[in-house]
Amino acid sequence: MKKIIFLLLLLPLFSNAQTDKKEDENKESDGVLTLVHADKTVAVPAAPKEGKKKQKDNTKYLGTVQFKIGNNQITCDSAIIFENDDLVEAYNVTIINPIYFTTRGDQLNYNKETKRGNVTKNVNITALNGNVVGSSENVEVDMSREAYRIGMGSINPPGGGKQ
């Protein structure tokens, strides 16, 4: 009986050690958005900007679209890369984090320079085991790590937090 109580007392130490190990494995990412697949690619002329003569065309991807940032996989049904602003808009998005969870939402706005973005509208976060972690209307994602992180804040637990 004493052994069982002792092991129960040590259990939090073992679980924290495992969490720390996962964090150690979650190394910095370059945050580079890499296209893996798109059914269709279209060049879209950039809107003229005051003081700039020639700008790069924006790129629009349609159909089944897949990107990668670090070890994170992003799928969507359309995306546009604003080449002159280092911004990305993607629609009907799923972001798969290989260590922690999956985030789904209607839209992702990603800044390639800061390596941060926002997933907005109908956001659902699911653990790797399939359990729903929560939902939100707006979640910040940080892609500066190999496995992205979600900013703290507006995540509602399943069932609206009712016990």
C-alpha atoms as a PDB file:
ATOM      1  CA  MET A   1       0.000   0.000   0.000  1.00  0.00           C
ATOM      2  CA  LYS A   2       2.864   2.394   0.842  1.00  0.00           C
ATOM      3  CA  LYS A   3       4.400   1.706  -2.584  1.00  0.00           C
ATOM      4  CA  ILE A   4       1.150   2.645  -4.340  1.00  0.00           C
ATOM      5  CA  ILE A   5       0.850   5.901  -2.354  1.00  0.00           C
ATOM      6  CA  PHE A   6       4.508   6.699  -3.085  1.00  0.00           C
ATOM      7  CA  LEU A   7       3.998   6.083  -6.815  1.00  0.00           C
ATOM      8  CA  LEU A   8       0.888   8.260  -6.806  1.00  0.00           C
ATOM      9  CA  LEU A   9       2.913  11.061  -5.216  1.00  0.00           C
ATOM     10  CA  LEU A  10       5.570  10.760  -7.935  1.00  0.00           C
ATOM     11  CA  LEU A  11       3.079  10.630 -10.824  1.00  0.00           C
ATOM     12  CA  PRO A  12       2.985  14.433 -11.275  1.00  0.00           C
ATOM     13  CA  LEU A  13       6.780  14.479 -11.517  1.00  0.00           C
ATOM     14  CA  PHE A  14       6.750  11.856 -14.269  1.00  0.00           C
ATOM     15  CA  SER A  15       4.038  13.636 -16.256  1.00  0.00           C
ATOM     16  CA  ASN A  16       5.838  17.010 -15.958  1.00  0.00           C
ATOM     17  CA  ALA A  17       9.082  15.417 -17.103  1.00  0.00           C
ATOM     18  CA  GLN A  18       7.311  14.078 -20.177  1.00  0.00           C
ATOM     19  CA  THR A  19       5.804  17.507 -20.940  1.00  0.00           C
ATOM     20  CA  ASP A  20       9.218  19.150 -20.550  1.00  0.00           C
ATOM     21  CA  LYS A  21      10.691  16.573 -22.931  1.00  0.00           C
ATOM     22  CA  LYS A  22       8.055  17.423 -25.563  1.00  0.00           C
ATOM     23  CA  GLU A  23       8.870  21.127 -25.174  1.00  0.00           C
ATOM     24  CA  ASP A  24      12.593  20.366 -25.580  1.00  0.00           C
ATOM     25  CA  GLU A  25      11.793  18.516 -28.824  1.00  0.00           C
ATOM     26  CA  ASN A  26       9.711  21.460 -30.091  1.00  0.00           C
ATOM     27  CA  LYS A  27      12.604  23.378 -31.593  1.00  0.00           C
ATOM     28  CA  GLU A  28      12.451  26.732 -33.352  1.00  0.00           C
ATOM     29  CA  SER A  29      11.132  26.724 -36.898  1.00  0.00           C
ATOM     30  CA  ASP A  30      12.104  29.050 -39.712  1.00  0.00           C
ATOM     31  CA  GLY A  31       8.380  29.785 -40.142  1.00  0.00           C
ATOM     32  CA  VAL A  32       8.686  29.437 -43.914  1.00  0.00           C
ATOM     33  CA  LEU A  33       5.411  28.620 -45.647  1.00  0.00           C
ATOM     34  CA  THR A  34       6.083  25.904 -48.228  1.00  0.00           C
ATOM     35  CA  LEU A  35       3.525  24.849 -50.814  1.00  0.00           C
ATOM     36  CA  VAL A  36       3.131  21.067 -50.890  1.00  0.00           C
ATOM     37  CA  HIS A  37       0.210  20.803 -53.325  1.00  0.00           C
ATOM     38  CA  ALA A  38      -2.463  22.858 -55.074  1.00  0.00           C
ATOM     39  CA  ASP A  39      -4.949  21.750 -57.722  1.00  0.00           C
ATOM     40  CA  LYS A  40      -4.731  25.124 -59.464  1.00  0.00           C
ATOM     41  CA  THR A  41      -2.424  28.159 -59.246  1.00  0.00           C
ATOM     42  CA  VAL A  42      -3.364  31.602 -60.558  1.00  0.00           C
ATOM     43  CA  ALA A  43      -1.304  34.813 -60.678  1.00  0.00           C
ATOM     44  CA  VAL A  44      -3.336  37.807 -59.506  1.00  0.00           C
ATOM     45  CA  PRO A  45      -2.033  41.333 -60.206  1.00  0.00           C
ATOM     46  CA  ALA A  46      -1.251  43.194 -56.987  1.00  0.00           C
ATOM     47  CA  ALA A  47      -3.195  46.355 -56.231  1.00  0.00           C
ATOM     48  CA  PRO A  48      -1.077  49.421 -57.025  1.00  0.00           C
ATOM     49  CA  LYS A  49       0.556  51.081 -54.021  1.00  0.00           C
ATOM     50  CA  GLU A  50       1.627  54.661 -53.768  1.00  0.00           C
ATOM     51  CA  GLY A  51       5.368  55.071 -54.223  1.00  0.00           C
ATOM     52  CA  LYS A  52       5.935  51.577 -55.675  1.00  0.00           C
ATOM     53  CA  LYS A  53       6.288  51.178 -59.423  1.00  0.00           C
ATOM     54  CA  LYS A  54       6.396  47.440 -60.043  1.00  0.00           C
ATOM     55  CA  GLN A  55       5.059  44.904 -57.604  1.00  0.00           C
ATOM     56  CA  LYS A  56       5.066  41.119 -57.696  1.00  0.00           C
ATOM     57  CA  ASP A  57       1.815  39.430 -58.616  1.00  0.00           C
ATOM     58  CA  ASN A  58      -0.063  37.775 -55.768  1.00  0.00           C
ATOM     59  CA  THR A  59      -0.557  34.018 -56.003  1.00  0.00           C
ATOM     60  CA  LYS A  60      -3.918  32.324 -55.537  1.00  0.00           C
ATOM     61  CA  TYR A  61      -4.208  28.585 -54.931  1.00  0.00           C
ATOM     62  CA  LEU A  62      -7.471  26.698 -55.464  1.00  0.00           C
ATOM     63  CA  GLY A  63      -8.871  23.209 -54.912  1.00  0.00           C
ATOM     64  CA  THR A  64      -7.099  20.913 -52.502  1.00  0.00           C
ATOM     65  CA  VAL A  65      -4.276  23.075 -51.146  1.00  0.00           C
ATOM     66  CA  GLN A  66      -1.570  21.898 -48.760  1.00  0.00           C
ATOM     67  CA  PHE A  67       1.191  23.890 -47.086  1.00  0.00           C
ATOM     68  CA  LYS A  68       3.845  23.095 -44.533  1.00  0.00           C
ATOM     69  CA  ILE A  69       5.436  25.323 -41.882  1.00  0.00           C
ATOM     70  CA  GLY A  70       8.017  23.456 -39.806  1.00  0.00           C
ATOM     71  CA  ASN A  71       6.333  20.131 -39.002  1.00  0.00           C
ATOM     72  CA  ASN A  72       2.874  21.706 -39.147  1.00  0.00           C
ATOM     73  CA  GLN A  73       0.594  20.683 -41.994  1.00  0.00           C
ATOM     74  CA  ILE A  74      -1.970  23.165 -43.283  1.00  0.00           C
ATOM     75  CA  THR A  75      -4.765  22.161 -45.637  1.00  0.00           C
ATOM     76  CA  CYS A  76      -7.404  24.462 -47.101  1.00  0.00           C
ATOM     77  CA  ASP A  77      -9.645  24.806 -50.140  1.00  0.00           C
ATOM     78  CA  SER A  78      -8.179  28.129 -51.286  1.00  0.00           C
ATOM     79  CA  ALA A  79      -5.435  30.543 -50.322  1.00  0.00           C
ATOM     80  CA  ILE A  80      -3.921  33.760 -51.550  1.00  0.00           C
ATOM     81  CA  ILE A  81      -0.337  34.813 -50.917  1.00  0.00           C
ATOM     82  CA  PHE A  82       0.114  38.572 -50.878  1.00  0.00           C
ATOM     83  CA  GLU A  83       3.706  38.463 -52.117  1.00  0.00           C
ATOM     84  CA  ASN A  84       4.505  42.143 -51.463  1.00  0.00           C
ATOM     85  CA  ASP A  85       3.175  42.144 -47.900  1.00  0.00           C
ATOM     86  CA  ASP A  86       4.310  38.707 -46.626  1.00  0.00           C
ATOM     87  CA  LEU A  87       0.684  37.905 -45.784  1.00  0.00           C
ATOM     88  CA  VAL A  88      -1.365  34.766 -46.428  1.00  0.00           C
ATOM     89  CA  GLU A  89      -5.124  34.267 -46.330  1.00  0.00           C
ATOM     90  CA  ALA A  90      -6.387  30.696 -46.382  1.00  0.00           C
ATOM     91  CA  TYR A  91      -9.995  29.479 -46.247  1.00  0.00           C
ATOM     92  CA  ASN A  92     -11.632  26.380 -44.701  1.00  0.00           C
ATOM     93  CA  VAL A  93      -8.386  25.625 -42.911  1.00  0.00           C
ATOM     94  CA  THR A  94      -7.093  22.650 -40.941  1.00  0.00           C
ATOM     95  CA  ILE A  95      -3.744  22.986 -39.156  1.00  0.00           C
ATOM     96  CA  ILE A  96      -2.293  19.729 -37.872  1.00  0.00           C
ATOM     97  CA  ASN A  97       0.242  19.994 -35.084  1.00  0.00           C
ATOM     98  CA  PRO A  98       2.211  16.709 -34.942  1.00  0.00           C
ATOM     99  CA  ILE A  99       2.681  16.794 -31.162  1.00  0.00           C
ATOM    100  CA  TYR A 100      -0.363  18.388 -29.582  1.00  0.00           C
ATOM    101  CA  PHE A 101      -3.587  19.080 -31.505  1.00  0.00           C
ATOM    102  CA  THR A 102      -5.460  20.011 -34.676  1.00  0.00           C
ATOM    103  CA  THR A 103      -7.101  23.391 -35.252  1.00  0.00           C
ATOM    104  CA  ARG A 104      -9.893  23.934 -37.778  1.00  0.00           C
ATOM    105  CA  GLY A 105     -11.483  27.226 -38.761  1.00  0.00           C
ATOM    106  CA  ASP A 106     -13.027  29.196 -41.583  1.00  0.00           C
ATOM    107  CA  GLN A 107     -10.019  31.447 -42.203  1.00  0.00           C
ATOM    108  CA  LEU A 108      -6.303  31.729 -41.433  1.00  0.00           C
ATOM    109  CA  ASN A 109      -4.504  35.068 -41.724  1.00  0.00           C
ATOM    110  CA  TYR A 110      -0.763  34.434 -41.466  1.00  0.00           C
ATOM    111  CA  ASN A 111       2.089  36.937 -41.396  1.00  0.00           C
ATOM    112  CA  LYS A 112       5.188  35.272 -42.844  1.00  0.00           C
ATOM    113  CA  GLU A 113       7.492  37.871 -41.279  1.00  0.00           C
ATOM    114  CA  THR A 114       6.276  37.545 -37.659  1.00  0.00           C
ATOM    115  CA  LYS A 115       5.483  33.804 -38.003  1.00  0.00           C
ATOM    116  CA  ARG A 116       2.115  34.412 -36.338  1.00  0.00           C
ATOM    117  CA  GLY A 117      -1.426  34.202 -37.533  1.00  0.00           C
ATOM    118  CA  ASN A 118      -5.065  34.131 -36.515  1.00  0.00           C
ATOM    119  CA  VAL A 119      -7.580  31.399 -37.188  1.00  0.00           C
ATOM    120  CA  THR A 120     -11.049  32.932 -37.201  1.00  0.00           C
ATOM    121  CA  LYS A 121     -14.708  31.935 -37.313  1.00  0.00           C
ATOM    122  CA  ASN A 122     -15.961  28.528 -36.184  1.00  0.00           C
ATOM    123  CA  VAL A 123     -12.618  27.495 -34.689  1.00  0.00           C
ATOM    124  CA  ASN A 124     -12.435  23.984 -33.190  1.00  0.00           C
ATOM    125  CA  ILE A 125      -9.393  22.547 -31.443  1.00  0.00           C
ATOM    126  CA  THR A 126      -9.053  18.774 -31.128  1.00  0.00           C
ATOM    127  CA  ALA A 127      -6.438  16.715 -29.270  1.00  0.00           C
ATOM    128  CA  LEU A 128      -4.503  14.026 -31.139  1.00  0.00           C
ATOM    129  CA  ASN A 129      -6.714  11.381 -29.488  1.00  0.00           C
ATOM    130  CA  GLY A 130      -9.803  12.989 -31.070  1.00  0.00           C
ATOM    131  CA  ASN A 131     -11.158  14.658 -27.926  1.00  0.00           C
ATOM    132  CA  VAL A 132     -12.435  18.200 -28.394  1.00  0.00           C
ATOM    133  CA  VAL A 133     -10.273  20.668 -26.468  1.00  0.00           C
ATOM    134  CA  GLY A 134     -12.450  23.692 -27.157  1.00  0.00           C
ATOM    135  CA  SER A 135     -13.846  26.173 -29.613  1.00  0.00           C
ATOM    136  CA  SER A 136     -13.472  29.864 -30.320  1.00  0.00           C
ATOM    137  CA  GLU A 137     -14.171  32.597 -32.821  1.00  0.00           C
ATOM    138  CA  ASN A 138     -10.540  33.744 -32.931  1.00  0.00           C
ATOM    139  CA  VAL A 139      -7.332  31.941 -31.936  1.00  0.00           C
ATOM    140  CA  GLU A 140      -3.784  33.184 -32.383  1.00  0.00           C
ATOM    141  CA  VAL A 141      -1.279  30.638 -33.708  1.00  0.00           C
ATOM    142  CA  ASP A 142       2.489  30.930 -33.337  1.00  0.00           C
ATOM    143  CA  MET A 143       4.367  29.069 -36.086  1.00  0.00           C
ATOM    144  CA  SER A 144       7.846  29.904 -34.778  1.00  0.00           C
ATOM    145  CA  ARG A 145       8.190  26.340 -33.447  1.00  0.00           C
ATOM    146  CA  GLU A 146       8.274  23.004 -35.247  1.00  0.00           C
ATOM    147  CA  ALA A 147       4.902  22.251 -33.625  1.00  0.00           C
ATOM    148  CA  TYR A 148       2.789  25.405 -33.519  1.00  0.00           C
ATOM    149  CA  ARG A 149       1.363  26.878 -30.341  1.00  0.00           C
ATOM    150  CA  ILE A 150      -1.983  28.463 -29.648  1.00  0.00           C
ATOM    151  CA  GLY A 151      -2.118  31.788 -27.842  1.00  0.00           C
ATOM    152  CA  MET A 152      -3.884  31.851 -24.511  1.00  0.00           C
ATOM    153  CA  GLY A 153      -7.302  33.352 -24.162  1.00  0.00           C
ATOM    154  CA  SER A 154     -10.613  32.834 -25.805  1.00  0.00           C
ATOM    155  CA  ILE A 155     -10.934  29.040 -25.986  1.00  0.00           C
ATOM    156  CA  ASN A 156     -14.265  27.735 -24.727  1.00  0.00           C
ATOM    157  CA  PRO A 157     -14.176  24.188 -23.290  1.00  0.00           C
ATOM    158  CA  PRO A 158     -16.626  21.611 -24.683  1.00  0.00           C
ATOM    159  CA  GLY A 159     -20.147  22.170 -23.389  1.00  0.00           C
ATOM    160  CA  GLY A 160     -19.443  25.856 -22.750  1.00  0.00           C
ATOM    161  CA  GLY A 161     -17.590  25.114 -19.489  1.00  0.00           C
ATOM    162  CA  LYS A 162     -20.721  23.780 -17.727  1.00  0.00           C
ATOM    163  CA  GLN A 163     -20.085  20.998 -15.247  1.00  0.00           C
END
